[in-house]
Each structure stands twice: as C-alpha cells, then as structure tokens.
C-alpha atoms as a PDB file:
ATOM      1  CA  MET A   1      80.040  72.706  72.696  1.00  0.00           C
ATOM      2  CA  ASN A   2      78.619  72.613  76.026  1.00  0.00           C
ATOM      3  CA  ASP A   3      79.114  69.144  77.322  1.00  0.00           C
ATOM      4  CA  LEU A   4      75.819  69.037  78.676  1.00  0.00           C
ATOM      5  CA  LEU A   5      74.185  69.363  75.295  1.00  0.00           C
ATOM      6  CA  THR A   6      75.995  66.204  74.127  1.00  0.00           C
ATOM      7  CA  ASN A   7      75.961  64.151  77.339  1.00  0.00           C
ATOM      8  CA  ASN A   8      72.869  65.401  78.944  1.00  0.00           C
ATOM      9  CA  ALA A   9      74.710  65.378  82.601  1.00  0.00           C
ATOM     10  CA  LYS A  10      77.362  66.895  83.963  1.00  0.00           C
ATOM     11  CA  VAL A  11      79.823  67.003  86.971  1.00  0.00           C
ATOM     12  CA  VAL A  12      81.013  70.560  87.478  1.00  0.00           C
ATOM     13  CA  ASP A  13      84.735  71.172  87.842  1.00  0.00           C
ATOM     14  CA  GLY A  14      85.488  73.130  91.085  1.00  0.00           C
ATOM     15  CA  LYS A  15      82.474  71.871  93.059  1.00  0.00           C
ATOM     16  CA  ALA A  16      82.533  69.100  95.425  1.00  0.00           C
ATOM     17  CA  THR A  17      82.496  65.789  93.713  1.00  0.00           C
ATOM     18  CA  PRO A  18      79.381  63.707  94.285  1.00  0.00           C
ATOM     19  CA  GLN A  19      80.249  60.939  96.582  1.00  0.00           C
ATOM     20  CA  ARG A  20      78.676  58.313  94.227  1.00  0.00           C
ATOM     21  CA  LYS A  21      77.926  58.299  90.612  1.00  0.00           C
ATOM     22  CA  PHE A  22      75.552  61.026  89.856  1.00  0.00           C
ATOM     23  CA  PRO A  23      75.760  64.296  88.179  1.00  0.00           C
ATOM     24  CA  HIS A  24      75.354  67.677  89.729  1.00  0.00           C
ATOM     25  CA  VAL A  25      72.972  68.639  86.869  1.00  0.00           C
ATOM     26  CA  LYS A  26      71.055  66.772  84.049  1.00  0.00           C
ATOM     27  CA  ARG A  27      69.231  68.288  81.043  1.00  0.00           C
ATOM     28  CA  ALA A  28      65.884  66.825  80.078  1.00  0.00           C
ATOM     29  CA  GLY A  29      64.639  68.780  77.142  1.00  0.00           C
ATOM     30  CA  ASP A  30      64.088  72.292  78.346  1.00  0.00           C
ATOM     31  CA  PHE A  31      64.573  71.535  81.800  1.00  0.00           C
ATOM     32  CA  LEU A  32      67.559  71.275  84.015  1.00  0.00           C
ATOM     33  CA  TYR A  33      67.566  69.058  87.148  1.00  0.00           C
ATOM     34  CA  VAL A  34      69.980  69.958  89.854  1.00  0.00           C
ATOM     35  CA  SER A  35      70.667  67.161  92.242  1.00  0.00           C
ATOM     36  CA  GLY A  36      70.506  67.619  96.038  1.00  0.00           C
ATOM     37  CA  THR A  37      73.293  70.128  96.730  1.00  0.00           C
ATOM     38  CA  SER A  38      74.684  70.733 100.178  1.00  0.00           C
ATOM     39  CA  SER A  39      77.489  73.352 101.542  1.00  0.00           C
ATOM     40  CA  ARG A  40      80.226  70.550 100.926  1.00  0.00           C
ATOM     41  CA  ARG A  41      83.302  72.106  99.604  1.00  0.00           C
ATOM     42  CA  PRO A  42      85.705  70.771  96.895  1.00  0.00           C
ATOM     43  CA  ASP A  43      88.072  69.760  99.495  1.00  0.00           C
ATOM     44  CA  ASN A  44      85.091  68.053 101.561  1.00  0.00           C
ATOM     45  CA  SER A  45      85.214  70.520 104.417  1.00  0.00           C
ATOM     46  CA  ILE A  46      81.502  72.036 104.977  1.00  0.00           C
ATOM     47  CA  ALA A  47      80.797  75.557 105.036  1.00  0.00           C
ATOM     48  CA  GLY A  48      78.764  76.382 108.047  1.00  0.00           C
ATOM     49  CA  ALA A  49      80.283  73.735 110.282  1.00  0.00           C
ATOM     50  CA  GLU A  50      83.206  75.246 111.797  1.00  0.00           C
ATOM     51  CA  LEU A  51      84.629  74.590 115.404  1.00  0.00           C
ATOM     52  CA  ASP A  52      83.486  76.956 118.144  1.00  0.00           C
ATOM     53  CA  ALA A  53      85.787  77.921 120.972  1.00  0.00           C
ATOM     54  CA  ALA A  54      85.046  75.018 122.728  1.00  0.00           C
ATOM     55  CA  GLY A  55      86.216  72.760 119.939  1.00  0.00           C
ATOM     56  CA  ARG A  56      82.673  71.615 119.008  1.00  0.00           C
ATOM     57  CA  VAL A  57      81.087  71.751 115.749  1.00  0.00           C
ATOM     58  CA  ARG A  58      77.944  74.131 115.368  1.00  0.00           C
ATOM     59  CA  PRO A  59      76.257  73.959 112.130  1.00  0.00           C
ATOM     60  CA  ASP A  60      75.029  77.548 111.079  1.00  0.00           C
ATOM     61  CA  ILE A  61      71.936  77.110 108.906  1.00  0.00           C
ATOM     62  CA  GLU A  62      72.363  80.674 107.406  1.00  0.00           C
ATOM     63  CA  VAL A  63      76.137  79.786 106.206  1.00  0.00           C
ATOM     64  CA  GLN A  64      74.996  76.668 104.844  1.00  0.00           C
ATOM     65  CA  THR A  65      72.003  77.822 103.164  1.00  0.00           C
ATOM     66  CA  ARG A  66      73.754  80.690 101.743  1.00  0.00           C
ATOM     67  CA  GLU A  67      76.552  78.281 100.379  1.00  0.00           C
ATOM     68  CA  VAL A  68      73.959  75.740  98.994  1.00  0.00           C
ATOM     69  CA  LEU A  69      72.298  78.533  96.906  1.00  0.00           C
ATOM     70  CA  GLN A  70      75.463  79.841  95.557  1.00  0.00           C
ATOM     71  CA  ASN A  71      76.628  76.322  94.962  1.00  0.00           C
ATOM     72  CA  ILE A  72      73.307  75.747  92.743  1.00  0.00           C
ATOM     73  CA  ARG A  73      73.722  79.275  90.921  1.00  0.00           C
ATOM     74  CA  ASP A  74      77.447  78.139  90.186  1.00  0.00           C
ATOM     75  CA  ILE A  75      76.164  74.489  88.871  1.00  0.00           C
ATOM     76  CA  LEU A  76      73.494  76.385  86.873  1.00  0.00           C
ATOM     77  CA  ARG A  77      75.934  79.054  85.289  1.00  0.00           C
ATOM     78  CA  SER A  78      78.187  76.072  84.273  1.00  0.00           C
ATOM     79  CA  VAL A  79      75.334  75.266  81.766  1.00  0.00           C
ATOM     80  CA  ASP A  80      74.234  78.732  80.631  1.00  0.00           C
ATOM     81  CA  ALA A  81      71.713  79.150  83.306  1.00  0.00           C
ATOM     82  CA  ASP A  82      71.158  81.201  86.388  1.00  0.00           C
ATOM     83  CA  LEU A  83      68.740  81.058  89.706  1.00  0.00           C
ATOM     84  CA  SER A  84      66.340  83.328  87.547  1.00  0.00           C
ATOM     85  CA  ASP A  85      65.774  80.073  85.549  1.00  0.00           C
ATOM     86  CA  VAL A  86      64.860  78.055  88.382  1.00  0.00           C
ATOM     87  CA  VAL A  87      61.272  77.116  88.472  1.00  0.00           C
ATOM     88  CA  GLU A  88      60.983  74.667  91.641  1.00  0.00           C
ATOM     89  CA  ILE A  89      62.916  74.018  94.861  1.00  0.00           C
ATOM     90  CA  CYS A  90      62.878  71.307  97.390  1.00  0.00           C
ATOM     91  CA  SER A  91      64.821  72.058 100.476  1.00  0.00           C
ATOM     92  CA  TYR A  92      65.484  69.410 103.108  1.00  0.00           C
ATOM     93  CA  LEU A  93      66.142  70.807 106.823  1.00  0.00           C
ATOM     94  CA  VAL A  94      67.282  68.442 109.472  1.00  0.00           C
ATOM     95  CA  ASN A  95      65.700  70.928 112.078  1.00  0.00           C
ATOM     96  CA  MET A  96      62.333  72.905 111.427  1.00  0.00           C
ATOM     97  CA  ASN A  97      63.577  75.113 114.229  1.00  0.00           C
ATOM     98  CA  ASP A  98      66.098  76.666 111.571  1.00  0.00           C
ATOM     99  CA  PHE A  99      63.289  77.456 109.234  1.00  0.00           C
ATOM    100  CA  SER A 100      63.169  81.198 110.122  1.00  0.00           C
ATOM    101  CA  GLN A 101      66.939  81.787 109.420  1.00  0.00           C
ATOM    102  CA  TYR A 102      66.838  79.522 106.361  1.00  0.00           C
ATOM    103  CA  ASN A 103      63.678  81.556 104.834  1.00  0.00           C
ATOM    104  CA  GLN A 104      65.613  84.813 105.643  1.00  0.00           C
ATOM    105  CA  VAL A 105      68.694  83.629 103.688  1.00  0.00           C
ATOM    106  CA  TYR A 106      66.544  82.267 101.016  1.00  0.00           C
ATOM    107  CA  GLY A 107      64.736  85.814 100.568  1.00  0.00           C
ATOM    108  CA  GLU A 108      68.309  87.153  99.626  1.00  0.00           C
ATOM    109  CA  PHE A 109      68.043  85.044  96.576  1.00  0.00           C
ATOM    110  CA  PHE A 110      64.594  84.814  95.431  1.00  0.00           C
ATOM    111  CA  ASP A 111      61.362  86.654  96.005  1.00  0.00           C
ATOM    112  CA  ALA A 112      57.578  85.923  95.622  1.00  0.00           C
ATOM    113  CA  ASN A 113      58.227  85.859  91.923  1.00  0.00           C
ATOM    114  CA  GLY A 114      60.771  83.019  92.295  1.00  0.00           C
ATOM    115  CA  PRO A 115      60.287  79.408  91.951  1.00  0.00           C
ATOM    116  CA  THR A 116      57.741  77.311  93.732  1.00  0.00           C
ATOM    117  CA  ARG A 117      59.180  75.765  96.977  1.00  0.00           C
ATOM    118  CA  THR A 118      58.538  72.897  99.195  1.00  0.00           C
ATOM    119  CA  THR A 119      60.549  72.366 102.492  1.00  0.00           C
ATOM    120  CA  VAL A 120      60.507  69.356 104.494  1.00  0.00           C
ATOM    121  CA  ALA A 121      62.134  68.094 107.346  1.00  0.00           C
ATOM    122  CA  VAL A 122      64.451  65.076 107.424  1.00  0.00           C
ATOM    123  CA  HIS A 123      65.998  62.832 109.997  1.00  0.00           C
ATOM    124  CA  GLN A 124      69.498  63.250 109.083  1.00  0.00           C
ATOM    125  CA  LEU A 125      71.504  64.190 105.636  1.00  0.00           C
ATOM    126  CA  PRO A 126      74.532  62.079 104.233  1.00  0.00           C
ATOM    127  CA  HIS A 127      77.003  63.926 106.787  1.00  0.00           C
ATOM    128  CA  PRO A 128      76.220  64.679 110.476  1.00  0.00           C
ATOM    129  CA  HIS A 129      77.458  68.298 109.998  1.00  0.00           C
ATOM    130  CA  LEU A 130      74.987  69.267 107.096  1.00  0.00           C
ATOM    131  CA  VAL A 131      71.729  70.698 108.134  1.00  0.00           C
ATOM    132  CA  ILE A 132      70.269  71.546 104.861  1.00  0.00           C
ATOM    133  CA  GLU A 133      70.215  70.114 101.218  1.00  0.00           C
ATOM    134  CA  ILE A 134      68.323  71.776  98.238  1.00  0.00           C
ATOM    135  CA  LYS A 135      67.467  70.328  94.864  1.00  0.00           C
ATOM    136  CA  ALA A 136      66.220  72.474  91.876  1.00  0.00           C
ATOM    137  CA  VAL A 137      64.527  72.320  88.579  1.00  0.00           C
ATOM    138  CA  ALA A 138      65.142  75.204  86.157  1.00  0.00           C
ATOM    139  CA  TYR A 139      63.720  75.788  82.742  1.00  0.00           C
ATOM    140  CA  LYS A 140      66.096  77.032  80.244  1.00  0.00           C
ATOM    141  CA  PRO A 141      65.038  76.301  76.460  1.00  0.00           C
ATOM    142  CA  LEU A 142      67.958  74.945  74.390  1.00  0.00           C
ATOM    143  CA  ARG A 143      69.173  77.765  71.818  1.00  0.00           C
ATOM    144  CA  SER A 144      69.246  76.723  67.926  1.00  0.00           C
ATOM    145  CA  GLN A 145      72.462  75.565  66.985  1.00  0.00           C
END
C-alpha cells in the first residue's frame, strides 16, 4: 500500500532530503500539500546555479523554475498524482525582475486552465544561490480500497 495512505506524509526517495524534519508531501483528505520545493538536487547541488567563466555563480531563473516544477511533478507522481491535479501554486521569487522569464517557463507546464497562482517577492531563500521556491496544493481523491 502507498505509504502516504498509511502515514499521511512522505519524503520521496531520489529527491533532495528536506534540511529539517518535514515531508515533501502530505495528504489531508483528498488534498495533497507539497512543501516548498527548490531546484536543489539529491547531492545538495543546485540546478541553475553553475559557475560562469569567471568562476562566479550566476543563478538562472529559467533553469531553476523548470527544475522546481519537474521536482513537484516527481513528488506528486510518487503518490499517484500529477501536475494536472494541482489546484493552487504559490511561487516565491527573490527578484521580481525574473518574473517574465519565470512566467515563460511556468507556461511550459500550465496554461490558463491550470491552478490558481500567487507569486510573491521574498528577501531571501534558504540558500543564497536559490532564486525561486514553489509550494503546491493538489486535489486527488482517494480511490476506494
């Protein structure tokens, strides 16, 4: 049986381990709540934060946004759901000057029939190379057992 059905919360194998004690996803009735997700990889490197030719890290909002949404998709798939089940998104951007590029990548995953969305600017995220974090709510009714 899916461990999310028995425990209501799950840390997903193959994804970056949460840095504190919280799950990637938690079920409450027919709703799935995905914790704030970044582009951090299982090895703790950050997609979209590679070194440039001068040896400086240049965060890439497009790469990070794509990786975040793929991570959310993978987390949802681990509990038999998908991005099509997402009903609400809240995105946190460190720099609103990145909004246009973020929005363009977001459009690769969702259209006007997708989830409701809020995008806010924040002063910083848990790592200085992260420029975006997204949390999501999905609606996926439990199947009859």
